[in-house]
PDB file of all heavy atoms in Angstrom:
ATOM      1  N   ALA A   1     104.905  84.612  93.791  1.00  0.00           N
ATOM      2  CA  ALA A   1     104.784  83.287  93.180  1.00  0.00           C
ATOM      3  C   ALA A   1     105.911  82.379  93.658  1.00  0.00           C
ATOM      4  O   ALA A   1     107.071  82.797  93.748  1.00  0.00           O
ATOM      5  CB  ALA A   1     104.812  83.399  91.659  1.00  0.00           C
ATOM      6  N   GLY A   2     105.539  81.145  93.993  1.00  0.00           N
ATOM      7  CA  GLY A   2     106.535  80.164  94.398  1.00  0.00           C
ATOM      8  C   GLY A   2     107.030  80.337  95.813  1.00  0.00           C
ATOM      9  O   GLY A   2     107.982  79.664  96.215  1.00  0.00           O
ATOM     10  N   ASP A   3     106.410  81.220  96.590  1.00  0.00           N
ATOM     11  CA  ASP A   3     106.837  81.430  97.979  1.00  0.00           C
ATOM     12  C   ASP A   3     105.635  81.240  98.890  1.00  0.00           C
ATOM     13  O   ASP A   3     104.571  81.835  98.671  1.00  0.00           O
ATOM     14  CB  ASP A   3     107.416  82.834  98.152  1.00  0.00           C
ATOM     15  CG  ASP A   3     108.142  82.982  99.484  1.00  0.00           C
ATOM     16  OD1 ASP A   3     107.464  83.058 100.529  1.00  0.00           O
ATOM     17  OD2 ASP A   3     109.383  83.026  99.471  1.00  0.00           O
ATOM     18  N   ASP A   4     105.789  80.378  99.904  1.00  0.00           N
ATOM     19  CA  ASP A   4     104.670  80.034 100.772  1.00  0.00           C
ATOM     20  C   ASP A   4     104.565  80.947 101.998  1.00  0.00           C
ATOM     21  O   ASP A   4     103.661  80.769 102.820  1.00  0.00           O
ATOM     22  CB  ASP A   4     104.793  78.568 101.235  1.00  0.00           C
ATOM     23  CG  ASP A   4     104.643  77.586 100.072  1.00  0.00           C
ATOM     24  OD1 ASP A   4     103.929  77.931  99.112  1.00  0.00           O
ATOM     25  OD2 ASP A   4     105.259  76.505 100.127  1.00  0.00           O
ATOM     26  N   ARG A   5     105.487  81.888 102.147  1.00  0.00           N
ATOM     27  CA  ARG A   5     105.404  82.776 103.317  1.00  0.00           C
ATOM     28  C   ARG A   5     104.183  83.696 103.199  1.00  0.00           C
ATOM     29  O   ARG A   5     103.807  84.122 102.123  1.00  0.00           O
ATOM     30  CB  ARG A   5     106.691  83.601 103.426  1.00  0.00           C
ATOM     31  CG  ARG A   5     107.852  82.825 104.028  1.00  0.00           C
ATOM     32  CD  ARG A   5     109.132  83.618 103.961  1.00  0.00           C
ATOM     33  NE  ARG A   5     109.694  83.624 102.608  1.00  0.00           N
ATOM     34  CZ  ARG A   5     110.855  84.161 102.289  1.00  0.00           C
ATOM     35  NH1 ARG A   5     111.583  84.755 103.223  1.00  0.00           N
ATOM     36  NH2 ARG A   5     111.288  84.109 101.054  1.00  0.00           N
ATOM     37  N   ASN A   6     103.592  83.989 104.340  1.00  0.00           N
ATOM     38  CA  ASN A   6     102.366  84.775 104.361  1.00  0.00           C
ATOM     39  C   ASN A   6     102.599  86.232 104.778  1.00  0.00           C
ATOM     40  O   ASN A   6     101.635  86.968 104.969  1.00  0.00           O
ATOM     41  CB  ASN A   6     101.347  84.144 105.323  1.00  0.00           C
ATOM     42  CG  ASN A   6     100.839  82.814 104.821  1.00  0.00           C
ATOM     43  OD1 ASN A   6     100.627  82.647 103.624  1.00  0.00           O
ATOM     44  ND2 ASN A   6     100.668  81.853 105.715  1.00  0.00           N
ATOM     45  N   LEU A   7     103.851  86.616 104.946  1.00  0.00           N
ATOM     46  CA  LEU A   7     104.151  87.970 105.412  1.00  0.00           C
ATOM     47  C   LEU A   7     104.855  88.752 104.315  1.00  0.00           C
ATOM     48  O   LEU A   7     105.869  88.309 103.780  1.00  0.00           O
ATOM     49  CB  LEU A   7     105.035  87.913 106.657  1.00  0.00           C
ATOM     50  CG  LEU A   7     105.365  89.252 107.319  1.00  0.00           C
ATOM     51  CD1 LEU A   7     104.103  89.944 107.795  1.00  0.00           C
ATOM     52  CD2 LEU A   7     106.327  89.040 108.485  1.00  0.00           C
ATOM     53  N   ILE A   8     104.294  89.894 103.964  1.00  0.00           N
ATOM     54  CA  ILE A   8     104.878  90.774 102.952  1.00  0.00           C
ATOM     55  C   ILE A   8     105.058  92.164 103.553  1.00  0.00           C
ATOM     56  O   ILE A   8     104.181  92.673 104.255  1.00  0.00           O
ATOM     57  CB  ILE A   8     103.983  90.845 101.697  1.00  0.00           C
ATOM     58  CG1 ILE A   8     103.973  89.501 100.967  1.00  0.00           C
ATOM     59  CG2 ILE A   8     104.451  91.948 100.743  1.00  0.00           C
ATOM     60  CD1 ILE A   8     103.026  89.465  99.775  1.00  0.00           C
ATOM     61  N   TYR A   9     106.215  92.756 103.313  1.00  0.00           N
ATOM     62  CA  TYR A   9     106.501  94.119 103.777  1.00  0.00           C
ATOM     63  C   TYR A   9     106.300  95.110 102.636  1.00  0.00           C
ATOM     64  O   TYR A   9     106.734  94.869 101.507  1.00  0.00           O
ATOM     65  CB  TYR A   9     107.949  94.218 104.286  1.00  0.00           C
ATOM     66  CG  TYR A   9     108.228  93.403 105.516  1.00  0.00           C
ATOM     67  CD1 TYR A   9     108.591  92.054 105.418  1.00  0.00           C
ATOM     68  CD2 TYR A   9     108.135  93.962 106.787  1.00  0.00           C
ATOM     69  CE1 TYR A   9     108.852  91.293 106.546  1.00  0.00           C
ATOM     70  CE2 TYR A   9     108.389  93.215 107.922  1.00  0.00           C
ATOM     71  CZ  TYR A   9     108.753  91.881 107.795  1.00  0.00           C
ATOM     72  OH  TYR A   9     109.008  91.123 108.907  1.00  0.00           O
ATOM     73  N   ILE A  10     105.616  96.189 102.921  1.00  0.00           N
ATOM     74  CA  ILE A  10     105.430  97.264 101.944  1.00  0.00           C
ATOM     75  C   ILE A  10     106.095  98.521 102.493  1.00  0.00           C
ATOM     76  O   ILE A  10     105.733  99.001 103.569  1.00  0.00           O
ATOM     77  CB  ILE A  10     103.944  97.535 101.656  1.00  0.00           C
ATOM     78  CG1 ILE A  10     103.308  96.299 101.009  1.00  0.00           C
ATOM     79  CG2 ILE A  10     103.771  98.748 100.745  1.00  0.00           C
ATOM     80  CD1 ILE A  10     101.812  96.450 100.743  1.00  0.00           C
ATOM     81  N   THR A  11     107.076  99.027 101.777  1.00  0.00           N
ATOM     82  CA  THR A  11     107.808 100.231 102.189  1.00  0.00           C
ATOM     83  C   THR A  11     107.570 101.321 101.161  1.00  0.00           C
ATOM     84  O   THR A  11     107.752 101.103  99.961  1.00  0.00           O
ATOM     85  CB  THR A  11     109.321  99.940 102.290  1.00  0.00           C
ATOM     86  OG1 THR A  11     109.532  98.790 103.108  1.00  0.00           O
ATOM     87  CG2 THR A  11     110.053 101.135 102.884  1.00  0.00           C
ATOM     88  N   CYS A  12     107.124 102.488 101.644  1.00  0.00           N
ATOM     89  CA  CYS A  12     106.803 103.591 100.742  1.00  0.00           C
ATOM     90  C   CYS A  12     107.654 104.824 101.057  1.00  0.00           C
ATOM     91  O   CYS A  12     107.991 105.081 102.219  1.00  0.00           O
ATOM     92  CB  CYS A  12     105.322 103.969 100.845  1.00  0.00           C
ATOM     93  SG  CYS A  12     104.195 102.651 100.332  1.00  0.00           S
ATOM     94  N   HIS A  13     107.976 105.549 100.030  1.00  0.00           N
ATOM     95  CA  HIS A  13     108.691 106.826 100.152  1.00  0.00           C
ATOM     96  C   HIS A  13     107.686 107.931  99.867  1.00  0.00           C
ATOM     97  O   HIS A  13     107.122 108.008  98.778  1.00  0.00           O
ATOM     98  CB  HIS A  13     109.845 106.871  99.146  1.00  0.00           C
ATOM     99  CG  HIS A  13     110.570 108.179  99.133  1.00  0.00           C
ATOM    100  ND1 HIS A  13     111.122 108.722  98.001  1.00  0.00           N
ATOM    101  CD2 HIS A  13     110.824 109.076 100.131  1.00  0.00           C
ATOM    102  CE1 HIS A  13     111.689 109.884  98.292  1.00  0.00           C
ATOM    103  NE2 HIS A  13     111.511 110.125  99.571  1.00  0.00           N
ATOM    104  N   LEU A  14     107.445 108.785 100.869  1.00  0.00           N
ATOM    105  CA  LEU A  14     106.485 109.874 100.750  1.00  0.00           C
ATOM    106  C   LEU A  14     107.223 111.198 100.607  1.00  0.00           C
ATOM    107  O   LEU A  14     108.311 111.371 101.139  1.00  0.00           O
ATOM    108  CB  LEU A  14     105.567 109.934 101.979  1.00  0.00           C
ATOM    109  CG  LEU A  14     104.931 108.620 102.423  1.00  0.00           C
ATOM    110  CD1 LEU A  14     104.052 108.842 103.640  1.00  0.00           C
ATOM    111  CD2 LEU A  14     104.151 107.979 101.305  1.00  0.00           C
ATOM    112  N   LYS A  15     106.617 112.130  99.900  1.00  0.00           N
ATOM    113  CA  LYS A  15     107.208 113.455  99.785  1.00  0.00           C
ATOM    114  C   LYS A  15     106.110 114.494  99.641  1.00  0.00           C
ATOM    115  O   LYS A  15     104.944 114.155  99.391  1.00  0.00           O
ATOM    116  CB  LYS A  15     108.177 113.534  98.602  1.00  0.00           C
ATOM    117  CG  LYS A  15     107.539 113.467  97.218  1.00  0.00           C
ATOM    118  CD  LYS A  15     108.619 113.560  96.150  1.00  0.00           C
ATOM    119  CE  LYS A  15     108.043 113.470  94.752  1.00  0.00           C
ATOM    120  NZ  LYS A  15     109.107 113.479  93.722  1.00  0.00           N
ATOM    121  N   VAL A  16     106.467 115.748  99.823  1.00  0.00           N
ATOM    122  CA  VAL A  16     105.497 116.840  99.771  1.00  0.00           C
ATOM    123  C   VAL A  16     106.000 117.944  98.849  1.00  0.00           C
ATOM    124  O   VAL A  16     107.187 118.048  98.547  1.00  0.00           O
ATOM    125  CB  VAL A  16     105.230 117.441 101.165  1.00  0.00           C
ATOM    126  CG1 VAL A  16     104.532 116.442 102.065  1.00  0.00           C
ATOM    127  CG2 VAL A  16     106.520 117.934 101.799  1.00  0.00           C
ATOM    128  N   SER A  17     105.045 118.760  98.424  1.00  0.00           N
ATOM    129  CA  SER A  17     105.342 119.993  97.698  1.00  0.00           C
ATOM    130  C   SER A  17     104.375 121.054  98.205  1.00  0.00           C
ATOM    131  O   SER A  17     103.361 120.725  98.811  1.00  0.00           O
ATOM    132  CB  SER A  17     105.195 119.792  96.180  1.00  0.00           C
ATOM    133  OG  SER A  17     103.825 119.642  95.848  1.00  0.00           O
ATOM    134  N   PRO A  18     104.661 122.331  98.005  1.00  0.00           N
ATOM    135  CA  PRO A  18     103.697 123.365  98.416  1.00  0.00           C
ATOM    136  C   PRO A  18     102.344 123.127  97.765  1.00  0.00           C
ATOM    137  O   PRO A  18     102.258 122.787  96.582  1.00  0.00           O
ATOM    138  CB  PRO A  18     104.348 124.656  97.914  1.00  0.00           C
ATOM    139  CG  PRO A  18     105.812 124.354  97.868  1.00  0.00           C
ATOM    140  CD  PRO A  18     105.910 122.910  97.463  1.00  0.00           C
ATOM    141  N   ALA A  19     101.274 123.288  98.533  1.00  0.00           N
ATOM    142  CA  ALA A  19      99.937 122.986  98.037  1.00  0.00           C
ATOM    143  C   ALA A  19      99.535 123.891  96.881  1.00  0.00           C
ATOM    144  O   ALA A  19      98.712 123.503  96.043  1.00  0.00           O
ATOM    145  CB  ALA A  19      98.921 123.099  99.171  1.00  0.00           C
ATOM    146  N   ASP A  20     100.116 125.089  96.806  1.00  0.00           N
ATOM    147  CA  ASP A  20      99.752 125.996  95.718  1.00  0.00           C
ATOM    148  C   ASP A  20     100.617 125.793  94.474  1.00  0.00           C
ATOM    149  O   ASP A  20     100.480 126.523  93.495  1.00  0.00           O
ATOM    150  CB  ASP A  20      99.843 127.455  96.188  1.00  0.00           C
ATOM    151  CG  ASP A  20     101.240 127.826  96.677  1.00  0.00           C
ATOM    152  OD1 ASP A  20     102.137 126.953  96.676  1.00  0.00           O
ATOM    153  OD2 ASP A  20     101.434 128.993  97.077  1.00  0.00           O
ATOM    154  N   GLN A  21     101.492 124.788  94.506  1.00  0.00           N
ATOM    155  CA  GLN A  21     102.346 124.495  93.347  1.00  0.00           C
ATOM    156  C   GLN A  21     101.670 123.438  92.476  1.00  0.00           C
ATOM    157  O   GLN A  21     101.214 122.409  92.966  1.00  0.00           O
ATOM    158  CB  GLN A  21     103.713 124.001  93.815  1.00  0.00           C
ATOM    159  CG  GLN A  21     104.655 123.583  92.693  1.00  0.00           C
ATOM    160  CD  GLN A  21     105.989 123.102  93.244  1.00  0.00           C
ATOM    161  OE1 GLN A  21     106.696 123.846  93.932  1.00  0.00           O
ATOM    162  NE2 GLN A  21     106.318 121.852  92.981  1.00  0.00           N
ATOM    163  N   ALA A  22     101.590 123.683  91.187  1.00  0.00           N
ATOM    164  CA  ALA A  22     100.944 122.746  90.283  1.00  0.00           C
ATOM    165  C   ALA A  22     101.724 121.429  90.235  1.00  0.00           C
ATOM    166  O   ALA A  22     102.955 121.435  90.256  1.00  0.00           O
ATOM    167  CB  ALA A  22     100.853 123.348  88.880  1.00  0.00           C
ATOM    168  N   PRO A  23     101.016 120.276  90.190  1.00  0.00           N
ATOM    169  CA  PRO A  23     101.699 118.988  90.080  1.00  0.00           C
ATOM    170  C   PRO A  23     102.567 118.924  88.821  1.00  0.00           C
ATOM    171  O   PRO A  23     102.256 119.541  87.801  1.00  0.00           O
ATOM    172  CB  PRO A  23     100.549 117.984  90.014  1.00  0.00           C
ATOM    173  CG  PRO A  23      99.399 118.679  90.671  1.00  0.00           C
ATOM    174  CD  PRO A  23      99.562 120.134  90.320  1.00  0.00           C
ATOM    175  N   THR A  24     103.640 118.169  88.909  1.00  0.00           N
ATOM    176  CA  THR A  24     104.594 118.003  87.814  1.00  0.00           C
ATOM    177  C   THR A  24     104.874 116.509  87.622  1.00  0.00           C
ATOM    178  O   THR A  24     104.412 115.690  88.419  1.00  0.00           O
ATOM    179  CB  THR A  24     105.911 118.735  88.130  1.00  0.00           C
ATOM    180  OG1 THR A  24     106.589 118.018  89.194  1.00  0.00           O
ATOM    181  CG2 THR A  24     105.656 120.179  88.576  1.00  0.00           C
ATOM    182  N   PRO A  25     105.649 116.131  86.593  1.00  0.00           N
ATOM    183  CA  PRO A  25     106.012 114.718  86.443  1.00  0.00           C
ATOM    184  C   PRO A  25     106.773 114.146  87.637  1.00  0.00           C
ATOM    185  O   PRO A  25     106.815 112.932  87.812  1.00  0.00           O
ATOM    186  CB  PRO A  25     106.894 114.726  85.182  1.00  0.00           C
ATOM    187  CG  PRO A  25     106.372 115.873  84.382  1.00  0.00           C
ATOM    188  CD  PRO A  25     106.030 116.919  85.389  1.00  0.00           C
ATOM    189  N   LEU A  26     107.349 115.020  88.489  1.00  0.00           N
ATOM    190  CA  LEU A  26     108.067 114.552  89.673  1.00  0.00           C
ATOM    191  C   LEU A  26     107.217 114.650  90.943  1.00  0.00           C
ATOM    192  O   LEU A  26     107.595 114.125  91.980  1.00  0.00           O
ATOM    193  CB  LEU A  26     109.360 115.349  89.855  1.00  0.00           C
ATOM    194  CG  LEU A  26     110.404 115.180  88.750  1.00  0.00           C
ATOM    195  CD1 LEU A  26     111.633 116.032  89.043  1.00  0.00           C
ATOM    196  CD2 LEU A  26     110.801 113.713  88.604  1.00  0.00           C
ATOM    197  N   THR A  27     106.098 115.340  90.868  1.00  0.00           N
ATOM    198  CA  THR A  27     105.167 115.438  92.005  1.00  0.00           C
ATOM    199  C   THR A  27     103.771 115.169  91.465  1.00  0.00           C
ATOM    200  O   THR A  27     103.073 116.075  91.020  1.00  0.00           O
ATOM    201  CB  THR A  27     105.217 116.827  92.677  1.00  0.00           C
ATOM    202  OG1 THR A  27     105.021 117.847  91.670  1.00  0.00           O
ATOM    203  CG2 THR A  27     106.562 117.044  93.348  1.00  0.00           C
ATOM    204  N   LYS A  28     103.367 113.901  91.505  1.00  0.00           N
ATOM    205  CA  LYS A  28     102.094 113.502  90.889  1.00  0.00           C
ATOM    206  C   LYS A  28     101.568 112.248  91.559  1.00  0.00           C
ATOM    207  O   LYS A  28     102.289 111.567  92.309  1.00  0.00           O
ATOM    208  CB  LYS A  28     102.286 113.236  89.391  1.00  0.00           C
ATOM    209  CG  LYS A  28     103.218 112.065  89.072  1.00  0.00           C
ATOM    210  CD  LYS A  28     103.421 111.923  87.582  1.00  0.00           C
ATOM    211  CE  LYS A  28     104.258 110.701  87.215  1.00  0.00           C
ATOM    212  NZ  LYS A  28     105.609 110.727  87.815  1.00  0.00           N
ATOM    213  N   ALA A  29     100.300 111.950  91.311  1.00  0.00           N
ATOM    214  CA  ALA A  29      99.669 110.702  91.746  1.00  0.00           C
ATOM    215  C   ALA A  29      98.832 110.212  90.578  1.00  0.00           C
ATOM    216  O   ALA A  29      97.747 110.732  90.309  1.00  0.00           O
ATOM    217  CB  ALA A  29      98.803 110.940  92.984  1.00  0.00           C
ATOM    218  N   CYS A  30      99.334 109.207  89.843  1.00  0.00           N
ATOM    219  CA  CYS A  30      98.720 108.768  88.589  1.00  0.00           C
ATOM    220  C   CYS A  30      98.257 107.317  88.676  1.00  0.00           C
ATOM    221  O   CYS A  30      99.001 106.436  89.116  1.00  0.00           O
ATOM    222  CB  CYS A  30      99.707 108.914  87.434  1.00  0.00           C
ATOM    223  SG  CYS A  30     100.202 110.626  87.092  1.00  0.00           S
ATOM    224  N   SER A  31      97.015 107.080  88.235  1.00  0.00           N
ATOM    225  CA  SER A  31      96.451 105.734  88.168  1.00  0.00           C
ATOM    226  C   SER A  31      96.168 105.383  86.710  1.00  0.00           C
ATOM    227  O   SER A  31      95.898 106.272  85.891  1.00  0.00           O
ATOM    228  CB  SER A  31      95.147 105.652  88.978  1.00  0.00           C
ATOM    229  OG  SER A  31      95.339 106.048  90.314  1.00  0.00           O
ATOM    230  N   PHE A  32      96.173 104.075  86.412  1.00  0.00           N
ATOM    231  CA  PHE A  32      95.878 103.635  85.054  1.00  0.00           C
ATOM    232  C   PHE A  32      94.393 103.328  84.930  1.00  0.00           C
ATOM    233  O   PHE A  32      93.831 102.539  85.688  1.00  0.00           O
ATOM    234  CB  PHE A  32      96.700 102.397  84.681  1.00  0.00           C
ATOM    235  CG  PHE A  32      96.565 102.004  83.244  1.00  0.00           C
ATOM    236  CD1 PHE A  32      97.189 102.748  82.251  1.00  0.00           C
ATOM    237  CD2 PHE A  32      95.801 100.903  82.882  1.00  0.00           C
ATOM    238  CE1 PHE A  32      97.059 102.396  80.901  1.00  0.00           C
ATOM    239  CE2 PHE A  32      95.675 100.543  81.544  1.00  0.00           C
ATOM    240  CZ  PHE A  32      96.303 101.298  80.559  1.00  0.00           C
ATOM    241  N   ASN A  33      93.747 103.999  83.973  1.00  0.00           N
ATOM    242  CA  ASN A  33      92.325 103.802  83.712  1.00  0.00           C
ATOM    243  C   ASN A  33      92.173 102.772  82.598  1.00  0.00           C
ATOM    244  O   ASN A  33      92.479 103.041  81.439  1.00  0.00           O
ATOM    245  CB  ASN A  33      91.682 105.136  83.304  1.00  0.00           C
ATOM    246  CG  ASN A  33      90.182 105.043  83.158  1.00  0.00           C
ATOM    247  OD1 ASN A  33      89.652 104.025  82.716  1.00  0.00           O
ATOM    248  ND2 ASN A  33      89.482 106.109  83.529  1.00  0.00           N
ATOM    249  N   LYS A  34      91.714 101.572  82.946  1.00  0.00           N
ATOM    250  CA  LYS A  34      91.620 100.504  81.949  1.00  0.00           C
ATOM    251  C   LYS A  34      90.547 100.784  80.900  1.00  0.00           C
ATOM    252  O   LYS A  34      90.644 100.333  79.757  1.00  0.00           O
ATOM    253  CB  LYS A  34      91.349  99.170  82.644  1.00  0.00           C
ATOM    254  CG  LYS A  34      92.565  98.630  83.417  1.00  0.00           C
ATOM    255  CD  LYS A  34      92.280  97.236  83.940  1.00  0.00           C
ATOM    256  CE  LYS A  34      93.541  96.586  84.501  1.00  0.00           C
ATOM    257  NZ  LYS A  34      94.059  97.315  85.674  1.00  0.00           N
ATOM    258  N   ALA A  35      89.499 101.534  81.270  1.00  0.00           N
ATOM    259  CA  ALA A  35      88.437 101.828  80.318  1.00  0.00           C
ATOM    260  C   ALA A  35      88.948 102.677  79.168  1.00  0.00           C
ATOM    261  O   ALA A  35      88.570 102.473  78.007  1.00  0.00           O
ATOM    262  CB  ALA A  35      87.280 102.531  81.028  1.00  0.00           C
ATOM    263  N   SER A  36      89.816 103.634  79.479  1.00  0.00           N
ATOM    264  CA  SER A  36      90.352 104.510  78.435  1.00  0.00           C
ATOM    265  C   SER A  36      91.762 104.144  78.017  1.00  0.00           C
ATOM    266  O   SER A  36      92.296 104.709  77.061  1.00  0.00           O
ATOM    267  CB  SER A  36      90.337 105.968  78.927  1.00  0.00           C
ATOM    268  OG  SER A  36      91.188 106.117  80.055  1.00  0.00           O
ATOM    269  N   SER A  37      92.362 103.189  78.752  1.00  0.00           N
ATOM    270  CA  SER A  37      93.765 102.803  78.514  1.00  0.00           C
ATOM    271  C   SER A  37      94.700 104.003  78.615  1.00  0.00           C
ATOM    272  O   SER A  37      95.667 104.117  77.868  1.00  0.00           O
ATOM    273  CB  SER A  37      93.927 102.118  77.143  1.00  0.00           C
ATOM    274  OG  SER A  37      93.201 100.912  77.098  1.00  0.00           O
ATOM    275  N   LEU A  38      94.392 104.899  79.561  1.00  0.00           N
ATOM    276  CA  LEU A  38      95.203 106.096  79.765  1.00  0.00           C
ATOM    277  C   LEU A  38      95.519 106.269  81.242  1.00  0.00           C
ATOM    278  O   LEU A  38      94.779 105.805  82.115  1.00  0.00           O
ATOM    279  CB  LEU A  38      94.464 107.343  79.263  1.00  0.00           C
ATOM    280  CG  LEU A  38      94.170 107.432  77.763  1.00  0.00           C
ATOM    281  CD1 LEU A  38      93.282 108.643  77.482  1.00  0.00           C
ATOM    282  CD2 LEU A  38      95.474 107.521  76.965  1.00  0.00           C
ATOM    283  N   TRP A  39      96.640 106.931  81.501  1.00  0.00           N
ATOM    284  CA  TRP A  39      96.990 107.294  82.867  1.00  0.00           C
ATOM    285  C   TRP A  39      96.276 108.594  83.231  1.00  0.00           C
ATOM    286  O   TRP A  39      96.208 109.523  82.429  1.00  0.00           O
ATOM    287  CB  TRP A  39      98.497 107.483  83.004  1.00  0.00           C
ATOM    288  CG  TRP A  39      99.268 106.195  82.916  1.00  0.00           C
ATOM    289  CD1 TRP A  39      99.767 105.611  81.802  1.00  0.00           C
ATOM    290  CD2 TRP A  39      99.593 105.330  84.006  1.00  0.00           C
ATOM    291  NE1 TRP A  39     100.406 104.430  82.109  1.00  0.00           N
ATOM    292  CE2 TRP A  39     100.312 104.226  83.474  1.00  0.00           C
ATOM    293  CE3 TRP A  39      99.368 105.374  85.375  1.00  0.00           C
ATOM    294  CZ2 TRP A  39     100.803 103.201  84.257  1.00  0.00           C
ATOM    295  CZ3 TRP A  39      99.850 104.338  86.167  1.00  0.00           C
ATOM    296  CH2 TRP A  39     100.559 103.261  85.614  1.00  0.00           C
ATOM    297  N   ALA A  40      95.740 108.659  84.456  1.00  0.00           N
ATOM    298  CA  ALA A  40      94.995 109.842  84.899  1.00  0.00           C
ATOM    299  C   ALA A  40      95.533 110.312  86.248  1.00  0.00           C
ATOM    300  O   ALA A  40      95.724 109.490  87.162  1.00  0.00           O
ATOM    301  CB  ALA A  40      93.504 109.534  85.018  1.00  0.00           C
ATOM    302  N   PRO A  41      95.760 111.620  86.413  1.00  0.00           N
ATOM    303  CA  PRO A  41      96.276 112.136  87.682  1.00  0.00           C
ATOM    304  C   PRO A  41      95.144 112.438  88.669  1.00  0.00           C
ATOM    305  O   PRO A  41      94.008 112.723  88.261  1.00  0.00           O
ATOM    306  CB  PRO A  41      96.989 113.420  87.263  1.00  0.00           C
ATOM    307  CG  PRO A  41      96.192 113.909  86.093  1.00  0.00           C
ATOM    308  CD  PRO A  41      95.685 112.682  85.378  1.00  0.00           C
ATOM    309  N   VAL A  42      95.450 112.381  89.939  1.00  0.00           N
ATOM    310  CA  VAL A  42      94.487 112.800  90.966  1.00  0.00           C
ATOM    311  C   VAL A  42      94.211 114.288  90.822  1.00  0.00           C
ATOM    312  O   VAL A  42      93.084 114.744  90.977  1.00  0.00           O
ATOM    313  CB  VAL A  42      95.022 112.474  92.380  1.00  0.00           C
ATOM    314  CG1 VAL A  42      94.121 113.078  93.458  1.00  0.00           C
ATOM    315  CG2 VAL A  42      95.129 110.970  92.562  1.00  0.00           C
ATOM    316  N   GLU A  43      95.246 115.061  90.537  1.00  0.00           N
ATOM    317  CA  GLU A  43      95.091 116.473  90.209  1.00  0.00           C
ATOM    318  C   GLU A  43      96.155 116.846  89.194  1.00  0.00           C
ATOM    319  O   GLU A  43      97.173 116.179  89.058  1.00  0.00           O
ATOM    320  CB  GLU A  43      95.199 117.378  91.450  1.00  0.00           C
ATOM    321  CG  GLU A  43      96.491 117.230  92.209  1.00  0.00           C
ATOM    322  CD  GLU A  43      96.357 116.264  93.370  1.00  0.00           C
ATOM    323  OE1 GLU A  43      95.423 116.428  94.153  1.00  0.00           O
ATOM    324  OE2 GLU A  43      97.191 115.351  93.480  1.00  0.00           O
ATOM    325  N   GLY A  44      95.919 117.922  88.464  1.00  0.00           N
ATOM    326  CA  GLY A  44      96.849 118.341  87.430  1.00  0.00           C
ATOM    327  C   GLY A  44      96.393 117.895  86.054  1.00  0.00           C
ATOM    328  O   GLY A  44      95.365 117.230  85.889  1.00  0.00           O
TER     329      GLY A  44
END
């Protein structure tokens, strides 16, 4: 807002864990579900 520049940089930090390790609060991928108003993980 309030900036007319058309260029935005997106920088992400990626990390891994062993595939056979269950996801934890530090290794997760969570989206907000507006229909249920709850956060839902991709797995776990």
